Amino acid sequence: MESDSWLGVELRHFAALQAVASEGSFGRAAERLGYTQSAISQQIQTLERIVGEKLIERPGGPRPVSLTEAGRLLLSHADSIVARLQAAQADLQALRSGEAGVLRVGTFQSAGARLLPEIMRRFRDQWPQIEVMLEERDSDAELATMVERGELDVAFVLPPFGDAPLETIELLRDPYVLVVARNSELAQVKSPPTLARIADEPLIGFRACRSMDPFESALSAAGCEPKFAFRTDDNGTVQGLIAAGIGSAVMPRLTVDASDPRITVIELGNRVPSRVIHIARHRDRYHSPSARAFVETALDVTAADQLAA
């Protein structure tokens, strides 16, 4: 195929490929996109003809269709292209909004509970006409993807960021602490316990949150095999289980309500590298004045917090 023939590829062809891959059938893909089944089939056939490769395996009958190796390869590029289109649409909406519009902010639990309130208080004082729409997720990786797709203007995220087209700015370093029940033996120890001693305890951990990665990496490097009694992605549930004596947890300080009289918080020093919280925006997108102001406000608030600490 001549490379010029690829100029015939249209975004609707990629949308059809995405829908068929996701739904596993031409019928459901048609329902999702609001087309007839024959229209979806024609779009896939046209795409296959243009690229010169079979993209879909069609087994017939009730069995789901699937992508060929060429289809999976093309889909990875299609996802990026459609994401850039969505980002372009978001750019134009932001440009039209000017200084009176919507700012879409993504956050995870601890950043939302501990950082966002003061950031929002200051931001609202300066930009009262901006409506802030908050998207909360347990996974910061999902937030990064939403920034890439133009679904969010800014988001709180954790490294590493992979190859996503993000511009990230470090906000603060959040040290890990050991959280135990008030009547635990570890609560009476005068010096921080070793990782090996912590690994002997039944532990409460996060399920999907990447905040566990530095702790589990530190345990692995020390040759320790932890015993997790329970996993959950809710910070309050972790703390409640600790207070009930179900186990102990190594957690970023921001995830802990240290005023809870049922628990004891033990500093760990440099036994576990601190969690680094960044704020991210799309590297190649237009950033509205309100989005830039939100980032500056976040930097001011977290800088003040670290000075106070």
C-alpha atoms as a PDB file:
ATOM      1  CA  MET A   1       0.000   0.000   0.000  1.00  0.00           C
ATOM      2  CA  GLU A   2       1.198   3.472  -0.801  1.00  0.00           C
ATOM      3  CA  SER A   3       1.617   5.566   2.321  1.00  0.00           C
ATOM      4  CA  ASP A   4      -0.647   8.269   0.782  1.00  0.00           C
ATOM      5  CA  SER A   5      -3.574   5.855   0.988  1.00  0.00           C
ATOM      6  CA  TRP A   6      -3.446   6.222   4.781  1.00  0.00           C
ATOM      7  CA  LEU A   7      -4.756   9.760   4.316  1.00  0.00           C
ATOM      8  CA  GLY A   8      -8.117   8.081   3.763  1.00  0.00           C
ATOM      9  CA  VAL A   9      -8.200   6.907   7.388  1.00  0.00           C
ATOM     10  CA  GLU A  10     -10.885   8.798   9.303  1.00  0.00           C
ATOM     11  CA  LEU A  11     -11.482   9.157  13.010  1.00  0.00           C
ATOM     12  CA  ARG A  12     -14.752   7.245  12.693  1.00  0.00           C
ATOM     13  CA  HIS A  13     -12.722   4.243  11.489  1.00  0.00           C
ATOM     14  CA  PHE A  14     -10.623   4.369  14.652  1.00  0.00           C
ATOM     15  CA  ALA A  15     -13.737   4.858  16.798  1.00  0.00           C
ATOM     16  CA  ALA A  16     -15.252   1.762  15.209  1.00  0.00           C
ATOM     17  CA  LEU A  17     -12.068  -0.242  15.882  1.00  0.00           C
ATOM     18  CA  GLN A  18     -12.057   0.875  19.517  1.00  0.00           C
ATOM     19  CA  ALA A  19     -15.718  -0.027  19.969  1.00  0.00           C
ATOM     20  CA  VAL A  20     -15.380  -3.491  18.376  1.00  0.00           C
ATOM     21  CA  ALA A  21     -12.300  -4.222  20.480  1.00  0.00           C
ATOM     22  CA  SER A  22     -14.059  -3.124  23.664  1.00  0.00           C
ATOM     23  CA  GLU A  23     -17.459  -4.742  23.016  1.00  0.00           C
ATOM     24  CA  GLY A  24     -16.331  -7.944  21.296  1.00  0.00           C
ATOM     25  CA  SER A  25     -19.083  -7.753  18.681  1.00  0.00           C
ATOM     26  CA  PHE A  26     -20.109  -5.596  15.746  1.00  0.00           C
ATOM     27  CA  GLY A  27     -23.677  -5.367  17.062  1.00  0.00           C
ATOM     28  CA  ARG A  28     -22.775  -4.001  20.476  1.00  0.00           C
ATOM     29  CA  ALA A  29     -20.189  -1.682  18.910  1.00  0.00           C
ATOM     30  CA  ALA A  30     -22.942  -0.302  16.664  1.00  0.00           C
ATOM     31  CA  GLU A  31     -25.240   0.281  19.655  1.00  0.00           C
ATOM     32  CA  ARG A  32     -22.446   2.051  21.534  1.00  0.00           C
ATOM     33  CA  LEU A  33     -21.694   4.429  18.654  1.00  0.00           C
ATOM     34  CA  GLY A  34     -25.248   4.893  17.406  1.00  0.00           C
ATOM     35  CA  TYR A  35     -24.619   3.282  13.993  1.00  0.00           C
ATOM     36  CA  THR A  36     -26.132   0.298  12.257  1.00  0.00           C
ATOM     37  CA  GLN A  37     -24.186  -2.964  12.433  1.00  0.00           C
ATOM     38  CA  SER A  38     -23.593  -2.868   8.685  1.00  0.00           C
ATOM     39  CA  ALA A  39     -22.105   0.638   8.980  1.00  0.00           C
ATOM     40  CA  ILE A  40     -19.604  -0.570  11.602  1.00  0.00           C
ATOM     41  CA  SER A  41     -18.702  -3.550   9.423  1.00  0.00           C
ATOM     42  CA  GLN A  42     -18.154  -1.259   6.431  1.00  0.00           C
ATOM     43  CA  GLN A  43     -15.924   1.083   8.470  1.00  0.00           C
ATOM     44  CA  ILE A  44     -13.742  -1.821   9.635  1.00  0.00           C
ATOM     45  CA  GLN A  45     -13.542  -3.218   6.088  1.00  0.00           C
ATOM     46  CA  THR A  46     -12.538   0.208   4.770  1.00  0.00           C
ATOM     47  CA  LEU A  47      -9.865   0.523   7.440  1.00  0.00           C
ATOM     48  CA  GLU A  48      -8.512  -2.946   6.653  1.00  0.00           C
ATOM     49  CA  ARG A  49      -8.377  -2.090   2.964  1.00  0.00           C
ATOM     50  CA  ILE A  50      -6.532   1.184   3.601  1.00  0.00           C
ATOM     51  CA  VAL A  51      -3.895  -0.284   5.927  1.00  0.00           C
ATOM     52  CA  GLY A  52      -3.571  -3.530   3.955  1.00  0.00           C
ATOM     53  CA  GLU A  53      -3.957  -5.813   6.985  1.00  0.00           C
ATOM     54  CA  LYS A  54      -6.647  -7.992   8.517  1.00  0.00           C
ATOM     55  CA  LEU A  55      -7.540  -6.307  11.811  1.00  0.00           C
ATOM     56  CA  ILE A  56     -10.463  -8.358  13.160  1.00  0.00           C
ATOM     57  CA  GLU A  57     -10.842 -12.104  13.615  1.00  0.00           C
ATOM     58  CA  ARG A  58     -14.469 -13.002  12.808  1.00  0.00           C
ATOM     59  CA  PRO A  59     -15.139 -16.524  14.146  1.00  0.00           C
ATOM     60  CA  GLY A  60     -18.864 -16.405  13.353  1.00  0.00           C
ATOM     61  CA  GLY A  61     -21.762 -17.549  15.498  1.00  0.00           C
ATOM     62  CA  PRO A  62     -22.027 -16.434  19.140  1.00  0.00           C
ATOM     63  CA  ARG A  63     -18.277 -16.328  19.710  1.00  0.00           C
ATOM     64  CA  PRO A  64     -16.865 -12.808  20.270  1.00  0.00           C
ATOM     65  CA  VAL A  65     -14.723 -11.189  17.617  1.00  0.00           C
ATOM     66  CA  SER A  66     -11.139 -10.306  18.525  1.00  0.00           C
ATOM     67  CA  LEU A  67      -8.280  -8.227  17.208  1.00  0.00           C
ATOM     68  CA  THR A  68      -5.447  -9.689  15.199  1.00  0.00           C
ATOM     69  CA  GLU A  69      -1.884  -8.743  16.055  1.00  0.00           C
ATOM     70  CA  ALA A  70      -2.089  -5.974  13.441  1.00  0.00           C
ATOM     71  CA  GLY A  71      -5.392  -4.842  14.950  1.00  0.00           C
ATOM     72  CA  ARG A  72      -3.910  -4.606  18.443  1.00  0.00           C
ATOM     73  CA  LEU A  73      -0.956  -2.639  17.111  1.00  0.00           C
ATOM     74  CA  LEU A  74      -3.177  -0.200  15.229  1.00  0.00           C
ATOM     75  CA  LEU A  75      -5.516   0.136  18.224  1.00  0.00           C
ATOM     76  CA  SER A  76      -2.656   1.416  20.401  1.00  0.00           C
ATOM     77  CA  HIS A  77      -2.116   4.250  17.922  1.00  0.00           C
ATOM     78  CA  ALA A  78      -5.849   4.816  17.516  1.00  0.00           C
ATOM     79  CA  ASP A  79      -6.233   5.282  21.276  1.00  0.00           C
ATOM     80  CA  SER A  80      -3.539   7.981  21.271  1.00  0.00           C
ATOM     81  CA  ILE A  81      -5.014   9.765  18.254  1.00  0.00           C
ATOM     82  CA  VAL A  82      -8.542   9.818  19.680  1.00  0.00           C
ATOM     83  CA  ALA A  83      -7.159  10.996  23.036  1.00  0.00           C
ATOM     84  CA  ARG A  84      -5.408  13.904  21.307  1.00  0.00           C
ATOM     85  CA  LEU A  85      -8.653  14.832  19.546  1.00  0.00           C
ATOM     86  CA  GLN A  86     -10.452  14.861  22.891  1.00  0.00           C
ATOM     87  CA  ALA A  87      -7.667  17.042  24.313  1.00  0.00           C
ATOM     88  CA  ALA A  88      -8.006  19.451  21.381  1.00  0.00           C
ATOM     89  CA  GLN A  89     -11.745  19.701  22.010  1.00  0.00           C
ATOM     90  CA  ALA A  90     -11.054  20.432  25.691  1.00  0.00           C
ATOM     91  CA  ASP A  91      -8.508  23.105  24.688  1.00  0.00           C
ATOM     92  CA  LEU A  92     -11.020  24.976  22.573  1.00  0.00           C
ATOM     93  CA  GLN A  93     -13.629  24.783  25.312  1.00  0.00           C
ATOM     94  CA  ALA A  94     -11.112  26.202  27.792  1.00  0.00           C
ATOM     95  CA  LEU A  95     -10.149  28.950  25.346  1.00  0.00           C
ATOM     96  CA  ARG A  96     -13.807  29.897  24.836  1.00  0.00           C
ATOM     97  CA  SER A  97     -14.440  29.880  28.580  1.00  0.00           C
ATOM     98  CA  GLY A  98     -11.675  32.397  29.266  1.00  0.00           C
ATOM     99  CA  GLU A  99     -11.717  33.355  32.933  1.00  0.00           C
ATOM    100  CA  ALA A 100     -15.305  32.276  33.616  1.00  0.00           C
ATOM    101  CA  GLY A 101     -15.831  28.587  33.056  1.00  0.00           C
ATOM    102  CA  VAL A 102     -15.178  25.131  34.453  1.00  0.00           C
ATOM    103  CA  LEU A 103     -11.913  23.784  35.862  1.00  0.00           C
ATOM    104  CA  ARG A 104     -11.767  19.977  36.058  1.00  0.00           C
ATOM    105  CA  VAL A 105      -9.547  18.707  38.876  1.00  0.00           C
ATOM    106  CA  GLY A 106      -8.648  15.091  39.603  1.00  0.00           C
ATOM    107  CA  THR A 107      -7.658  13.877  43.049  1.00  0.00           C
ATOM    108  CA  PHE A 108      -7.187  10.736  45.119  1.00  0.00           C
ATOM    109  CA  GLN A 109      -8.322  10.283  48.725  1.00  0.00           C
ATOM    110  CA  SER A 110      -5.513  11.712  50.825  1.00  0.00           C
ATOM    111  CA  ALA A 111      -4.793  14.642  48.512  1.00  0.00           C
ATOM    112  CA  GLY A 112      -8.518  15.410  48.443  1.00  0.00           C
ATOM    113  CA  ALA A 113      -8.869  15.266  52.218  1.00  0.00           C
ATOM    114  CA  ARG A 114      -5.629  16.930  53.308  1.00  0.00           C
ATOM    115  CA  LEU A 115      -4.436  19.214  50.495  1.00  0.00           C
ATOM    116  CA  LEU A 116      -7.484  20.191  48.458  1.00  0.00           C
ATOM    117  CA  PRO A 117      -9.529  22.078  51.116  1.00  0.00           C
ATOM    118  CA  GLU A 118      -6.961  24.850  51.672  1.00  0.00           C
ATOM    119  CA  ILE A 119      -6.091  24.975  47.970  1.00  0.00           C
ATOM    120  CA  MET A 120      -9.774  25.375  47.140  1.00  0.00           C
ATOM    121  CA  ARG A 121     -10.316  28.034  49.815  1.00  0.00           C
ATOM    122  CA  ARG A 122      -7.537  30.213  48.403  1.00  0.00           C
ATOM    123  CA  PHE A 123      -8.437  29.495  44.785  1.00  0.00           C
ATOM    124  CA  ARG A 124     -12.122  30.402  45.288  1.00  0.00           C
ATOM    125  CA  ASP A 125     -11.102  33.684  46.903  1.00  0.00           C
ATOM    126  CA  GLN A 126      -9.116  34.589  43.780  1.00  0.00           C
ATOM    127  CA  TRP A 127     -11.360  33.015  41.107  1.00  0.00           C
ATOM    128  CA  PRO A 128     -14.936  33.056  42.437  1.00  0.00           C
ATOM    129  CA  GLN A 129     -16.428  32.830  38.940  1.00  0.00           C
ATOM    130  CA  ILE A 130     -14.747  29.488  38.136  1.00  0.00           C
ATOM    131  CA  GLU A 131     -16.753  26.326  38.749  1.00  0.00           C
ATOM    132  CA  VAL A 132     -14.472  23.530  39.946  1.00  0.00           C
ATOM    133  CA  MET A 133     -15.577  20.030  38.985  1.00  0.00           C
ATOM    134  CA  LEU A 134     -13.889  17.363  41.087  1.00  0.00           C
ATOM    135  CA  GLU A 135     -13.153  13.843  39.883  1.00  0.00           C
ATOM    136  CA  GLU A 136     -12.112  11.444  42.631  1.00  0.00           C
ATOM    137  CA  ARG A 137     -10.420   8.130  41.899  1.00  0.00           C
ATOM    138  CA  ASP A 138      -8.655   5.475  43.978  1.00  0.00           C
ATOM    139  CA  SER A 139      -6.073   5.126  41.195  1.00  0.00           C
ATOM    140  CA  ASP A 140      -3.880   8.121  40.398  1.00  0.00           C
ATOM    141  CA  ALA A 141      -2.859   6.294  37.207  1.00  0.00           C
ATOM    142  CA  GLU A 142      -6.465   6.637  36.056  1.00  0.00           C
ATOM    143  CA  LEU A 143      -6.278  10.372  36.787  1.00  0.00           C
ATOM    144  CA  ALA A 144      -3.141  10.666  34.635  1.00  0.00           C
ATOM    145  CA  THR A 145      -4.962   8.950  31.771  1.00  0.00           C
ATOM    146  CA  MET A 146      -7.863  11.368  32.143  1.00  0.00           C
ATOM    147  CA  VAL A 147      -5.456  14.316  31.892  1.00  0.00           C
ATOM    148  CA  GLU A 148      -3.983  12.778  28.729  1.00  0.00           C
ATOM    149  CA  ARG A 149      -7.443  12.434  27.189  1.00  0.00           C
ATOM    150  CA  GLY A 150      -8.420  16.014  28.007  1.00  0.00           C
ATOM    151  CA  GLU A 151     -11.039  14.891  30.551  1.00  0.00           C
ATOM    152  CA  LEU A 152      -9.198  16.722  33.344  1.00  0.00           C
ATOM    153  CA  ASP A 153      -7.300  20.010  33.358  1.00  0.00           C
ATOM    154  CA  VAL A 154      -5.085  19.186  36.349  1.00  0.00           C
ATOM    155  CA  ALA A 155      -4.720  16.218  38.684  1.00  0.00           C
ATOM    156  CA  PHE A 156      -2.764  15.072  41.710  1.00  0.00           C
ATOM    157  CA  VAL A 157      -0.580  12.117  40.692  1.00  0.00           C
ATOM    158  CA  LEU A 158       2.306   9.929  41.854  1.00  0.00           C
ATOM    159  CA  PRO A 159       5.403   8.919  39.865  1.00  0.00           C
ATOM    160  CA  PRO A 160       6.333   7.079  37.744  1.00  0.00           C
ATOM    161  CA  PHE A 161       4.375   8.560  34.858  1.00  0.00           C
ATOM    162  CA  GLY A 162       5.421   6.243  32.011  1.00  0.00           C
ATOM    163  CA  ASP A 163       5.275   7.793  28.558  1.00  0.00           C
ATOM    164  CA  ALA A 164       2.114   9.847  29.149  1.00  0.00           C
ATOM    165  CA  PRO A 165       2.449  13.398  27.742  1.00  0.00           C
ATOM    166  CA  LEU A 166       2.308  15.026  31.164  1.00  0.00           C
ATOM    167  CA  GLU A 167       3.951  18.111  32.601  1.00  0.00           C
ATOM    168  CA  THR A 168       4.339  17.423  36.315  1.00  0.00           C
ATOM    169  CA  ILE A 169       5.413  19.629  39.200  1.00  0.00           C
ATOM    170  CA  GLU A 170       6.425  18.234  42.576  1.00  0.00           C
ATOM    171  CA  LEU A 171       4.214  19.480  45.390  1.00  0.00           C
ATOM    172  CA  LEU A 172       5.523  17.695  48.459  1.00  0.00           C
ATOM    173  CA  ARG A 173       7.205  14.632  49.877  1.00  0.00           C
ATOM    174  CA  ASP A 174       4.935  12.603  52.113  1.00  0.00           C
ATOM    175  CA  PRO A 175       6.881  10.379  54.551  1.00  0.00           C
ATOM    176  CA  TYR A 176       5.706   6.920  55.536  1.00  0.00           C
ATOM    177  CA  VAL A 177       4.745   6.194  59.128  1.00  0.00           C
ATOM    178  CA  LEU A 178       3.855   3.039  61.025  1.00  0.00           C
ATOM    179  CA  VAL A 179       0.308   3.095  62.392  1.00  0.00           C
ATOM    180  CA  VAL A 180      -0.565   0.678  65.197  1.00  0.00           C
ATOM    181  CA  ALA A 181      -3.356   0.223  67.707  1.00  0.00           C
ATOM    182  CA  ARG A 182      -2.905   2.276  70.885  1.00  0.00           C
ATOM    183  CA  ASN A 183      -2.480  -0.896  72.996  1.00  0.00           C
ATOM    184  CA  SER A 184      -0.082  -2.615  70.558  1.00  0.00           C
ATOM    185  CA  GLU A 185       3.344  -3.749  71.754  1.00  0.00           C
ATOM    186  CA  LEU A 186       4.890  -1.635  69.010  1.00  0.00           C
ATOM    187  CA  ALA A 187       3.231   1.446  70.475  1.00  0.00           C
ATOM    188  CA  GLN A 188       5.423   1.036  73.547  1.00  0.00           C
ATOM    189  CA  VAL A 189       8.731   0.707  71.675  1.00  0.00           C
ATOM    190  CA  LYS A 190      10.969   3.759  72.126  1.00  0.00           C
ATOM    191  CA  SER A 191      12.819   3.528  68.790  1.00  0.00           C
ATOM    192  CA  PRO A 192      11.291   2.854  65.372  1.00  0.00           C
ATOM    193  CA  PRO A 193      11.087  -0.894  64.670  1.00  0.00           C
ATOM    194  CA  THR A 194      13.040  -2.440  61.813  1.00  0.00           C
ATOM    195  CA  LEU A 195      11.333  -3.485  58.605  1.00  0.00           C
ATOM    196  CA  ALA A 196      11.881  -7.118  59.605  1.00  0.00           C
ATOM    197  CA  ARG A 197      10.023  -6.510  62.868  1.00  0.00           C
ATOM    198  CA  ILE A 198       7.197  -4.739  61.031  1.00  0.00           C
ATOM    199  CA  ALA A 199       6.960  -7.639  58.558  1.00  0.00           C
ATOM    200  CA  ASP A 200       6.325 -10.010  61.493  1.00  0.00           C
ATOM    201  CA  GLU A 201       3.082  -8.152  62.236  1.00  0.00           C
ATOM    202  CA  PRO A 202      -0.212  -8.871  60.488  1.00  0.00           C
ATOM    203  CA  LEU A 203      -0.461  -5.917  58.121  1.00  0.00           C
ATOM    204  CA  ILE A 204      -3.278  -3.908  56.614  1.00  0.00           C
ATOM    205  CA  GLY A 205      -2.510  -2.755  53.074  1.00  0.00           C
ATOM    206  CA  PHE A 206      -4.005  -0.957  50.124  1.00  0.00           C
ATOM    207  CA  ARG A 207      -5.331  -3.113  47.299  1.00  0.00           C
ATOM    208  CA  ALA A 208      -4.797  -1.113  44.093  1.00  0.00           C
ATOM    209  CA  CYS A 209      -3.342   2.176  45.295  1.00  0.00           C
ATOM    210  CA  ARG A 210       0.280   2.690  44.211  1.00  0.00           C
ATOM    211  CA  SER A 211       1.067   4.155  47.645  1.00  0.00           C
ATOM    212  CA  MET A 212       1.991   0.645  48.773  1.00  0.00           C
ATOM    213  CA  ASP A 213       4.769   0.305  46.192  1.00  0.00           C
ATOM    214  CA  PRO A 214       7.602   2.075  48.110  1.00  0.00           C
ATOM    215  CA  PHE A 215       6.868   0.113  51.294  1.00  0.00           C
ATOM    216  CA  GLU A 216       6.616  -3.248  49.572  1.00  0.00           C
ATOM    217  CA  SER A 217       9.790  -2.496  47.577  1.00  0.00           C
ATOM    218  CA  ALA A 218      11.624  -1.631  50.803  1.00  0.00           C
ATOM    219  CA  LEU A 219      10.450  -4.898  52.365  1.00  0.00           C
ATOM    220  CA  SER A 220      11.595  -6.873  49.329  1.00  0.00           C
ATOM    221  CA  ALA A 221      15.011  -5.172  49.354  1.00  0.00           C
ATOM    222  CA  ALA A 222      15.373  -6.103  53.023  1.00  0.00           C
ATOM    223  CA  GLY A 223      14.478  -9.719  52.259  1.00  0.00           C
ATOM    224  CA  CYS A 224      11.230  -9.566  54.236  1.00  0.00           C
ATOM    225  CA  GLU A 225       8.028 -11.415  53.432  1.00  0.00           C
ATOM    226  CA  PRO A 226       5.045  -9.442  54.777  1.00  0.00           C
ATOM    227  CA  LYS A 227       1.790 -11.033  55.957  1.00  0.00           C
ATOM    228  CA  PHE A 228      -1.200  -8.968  54.884  1.00  0.00           C
ATOM    229  CA  ALA A 229      -4.265  -9.670  56.976  1.00  0.00           C
ATOM    230  CA  PHE A 230      -6.482  -7.381  54.935  1.00  0.00           C
ATOM    231  CA  ARG A 231      -6.374  -5.058  51.934  1.00  0.00           C
ATOM    232  CA  THR A 232      -8.648  -2.151  51.097  1.00  0.00           C
ATOM    233  CA  ASP A 233      -8.334   1.112  49.166  1.00  0.00           C
ATOM    234  CA  ASP A 234     -10.261   3.177  51.717  1.00  0.00           C
ATOM    235  CA  ASN A 235      -8.063   5.109  54.153  1.00  0.00           C
ATOM    236  CA  GLY A 236     -10.762   5.212  56.829  1.00  0.00           C
ATOM    237  CA  THR A 237     -11.253   1.446  56.651  1.00  0.00           C
ATOM    238  CA  VAL A 238      -7.496   0.874  57.046  1.00  0.00           C
ATOM    239  CA  GLN A 239      -7.411   3.066  60.136  1.00  0.00           C
ATOM    240  CA  GLY A 240     -10.533   1.457  61.587  1.00  0.00           C
ATOM    241  CA  LEU A 241      -9.063  -2.016  61.195  1.00  0.00           C
ATOM    242  CA  ILE A 242      -5.850  -0.894  62.873  1.00  0.00           C
ATOM    243  CA  ALA A 243      -7.811   0.591  65.797  1.00  0.00           C
ATOM    244  CA  ALA A 244      -9.712  -2.694  66.132  1.00  0.00           C
ATOM    245  CA  GLY A 245      -6.434  -4.604  66.478  1.00  0.00           C
ATOM    246  CA  ILE A 246      -6.727  -6.467  63.163  1.00  0.00           C
ATOM    247  CA  GLY A 247      -3.243  -5.391  62.111  1.00  0.00           C
ATOM    248  CA  SER A 248      -0.776  -2.557  61.663  1.00  0.00           C
ATOM    249  CA  ALA A 249       0.012  -0.515  58.571  1.00  0.00           C
ATOM    250  CA  VAL A 250       2.814   1.469  56.998  1.00  0.00           C
ATOM    251  CA  MET A 251       1.073   4.415  55.341  1.00  0.00           C
ATOM    252  CA  PRO A 252       1.894   7.824  53.910  1.00  0.00           C
ATOM    253  CA  ARG A 253       1.407  10.412  56.654  1.00  0.00           C
ATOM    254  CA  LEU A 254      -1.259  12.283  54.696  1.00  0.00           C
ATOM    255  CA  THR A 255      -3.507   9.207  54.712  1.00  0.00           C
ATOM    256  CA  VAL A 256      -3.578   9.081  58.522  1.00  0.00           C
ATOM    257  CA  ASP A 257      -5.836  10.946  60.945  1.00  0.00           C
ATOM    258  CA  ALA A 258      -3.250  11.341  63.697  1.00  0.00           C
ATOM    259  CA  SER A 259      -5.836  12.846  66.073  1.00  0.00           C
ATOM    260  CA  ASP A 260      -7.551   9.451  66.388  1.00  0.00           C
ATOM    261  CA  PRO A 261      -7.046   8.418  70.061  1.00  0.00           C
ATOM    262  CA  ARG A 262      -7.328   4.719  69.163  1.00  0.00           C
ATOM    263  CA  ILE A 263      -4.035   4.611  67.273  1.00  0.00           C
ATOM    264  CA  THR A 264      -0.360   5.465  67.650  1.00  0.00           C
ATOM    265  CA  VAL A 265       1.676   6.913  64.793  1.00  0.00           C
ATOM    266  CA  ILE A 266       5.386   5.998  64.734  1.00  0.00           C
ATOM    267  CA  GLU A 267       7.882   7.872  62.572  1.00  0.00           C
ATOM    268  CA  LEU A 268      10.045   5.597  60.398  1.00  0.00           C
ATOM    269  CA  GLY A 269      12.750   8.041  59.312  1.00  0.00           C
ATOM    270  CA  ASN A 270      14.287   6.943  56.019  1.00  0.00           C
ATOM    271  CA  ARG A 271      13.371   3.265  56.313  1.00  0.00           C
ATOM    272  CA  VAL A 272      10.870   3.771  53.480  1.00  0.00           C
ATOM    273  CA  PRO A 273      11.383   6.456  50.797  1.00  0.00           C
ATOM    274  CA  SER A 274       8.781   9.199  50.979  1.00  0.00           C
ATOM    275  CA  ARG A 275       5.848   9.244  48.610  1.00  0.00           C
ATOM    276  CA  VAL A 276       6.214  12.146  46.184  1.00  0.00           C
ATOM    277  CA  ILE A 277       2.994  13.912  45.200  1.00  0.00           C
ATOM    278  CA  HIS A 278       2.939  15.879  41.949  1.00  0.00           C
ATOM    279  CA  ILE A 279       0.345  17.968  40.192  1.00  0.00           C
ATOM    280  CA  ALA A 280       0.019  17.165  36.502  1.00  0.00           C
ATOM    281  CA  ARG A 281      -1.346  18.814  33.376  1.00  0.00           C
ATOM    282  CA  HIS A 282      -1.107  17.892  29.713  1.00  0.00           C
ATOM    283  CA  ARG A 283       2.302  18.753  28.289  1.00  0.00           C
ATOM    284  CA  ASP A 284       1.007  19.917  24.907  1.00  0.00           C
ATOM    285  CA  ARG A 285      -2.352  21.447  25.790  1.00  0.00           C
ATOM    286  CA  TYR A 286      -3.441  25.037  26.195  1.00  0.00           C
ATOM    287  CA  HIS A 287      -3.635  25.889  29.912  1.00  0.00           C
ATOM    288  CA  SER A 288      -6.319  28.393  30.841  1.00  0.00           C
ATOM    289  CA  PRO A 289      -5.490  31.210  33.281  1.00  0.00           C
ATOM    290  CA  SER A 290      -7.591  29.493  35.954  1.00  0.00           C
ATOM    291  CA  ALA A 291      -5.720  26.185  35.470  1.00  0.00           C
ATOM    292  CA  ARG A 292      -2.383  27.953  35.810  1.00  0.00           C
ATOM    293  CA  ALA A 293      -3.644  29.758  38.908  1.00  0.00           C
ATOM    294  CA  PHE A 294      -4.784  26.476  40.472  1.00  0.00           C
ATOM    295  CA  VAL A 295      -1.312  24.980  40.041  1.00  0.00           C
ATOM    296  CA  GLU A 296       0.321  28.081  41.560  1.00  0.00           C
ATOM    297  CA  THR A 297      -2.081  27.964  44.500  1.00  0.00           C
ATOM    298  CA  ALA A 298      -1.307  24.279  45.082  1.00  0.00           C
ATOM    299  CA  LEU A 299       2.414  25.066  45.106  1.00  0.00           C
ATOM    300  CA  ASP A 300       1.919  27.916  47.597  1.00  0.00           C
ATOM    301  CA  VAL A 301      -0.207  25.804  49.950  1.00  0.00           C
ATOM    302  CA  THR A 302       2.096  22.785  49.971  1.00  0.00           C
ATOM    303  CA  ALA A 303       5.199  24.958  50.382  1.00  0.00           C
ATOM    304  CA  ALA A 304       3.609  26.590  53.433  1.00  0.00           C
ATOM    305  CA  ASP A 305       2.648  23.177  54.846  1.00  0.00           C
ATOM    306  CA  GLN A 306       6.216  21.868  54.508  1.00  0.00           C
ATOM    307  CA  LEU A 307       7.667  24.979  56.149  1.00  0.00           C
ATOM    308  CA  ALA A 308       5.243  24.547  59.033  1.00  0.00           C
ATOM    309  CA  ALA A 309       6.212  20.884  59.379  1.00  0.00           C
END
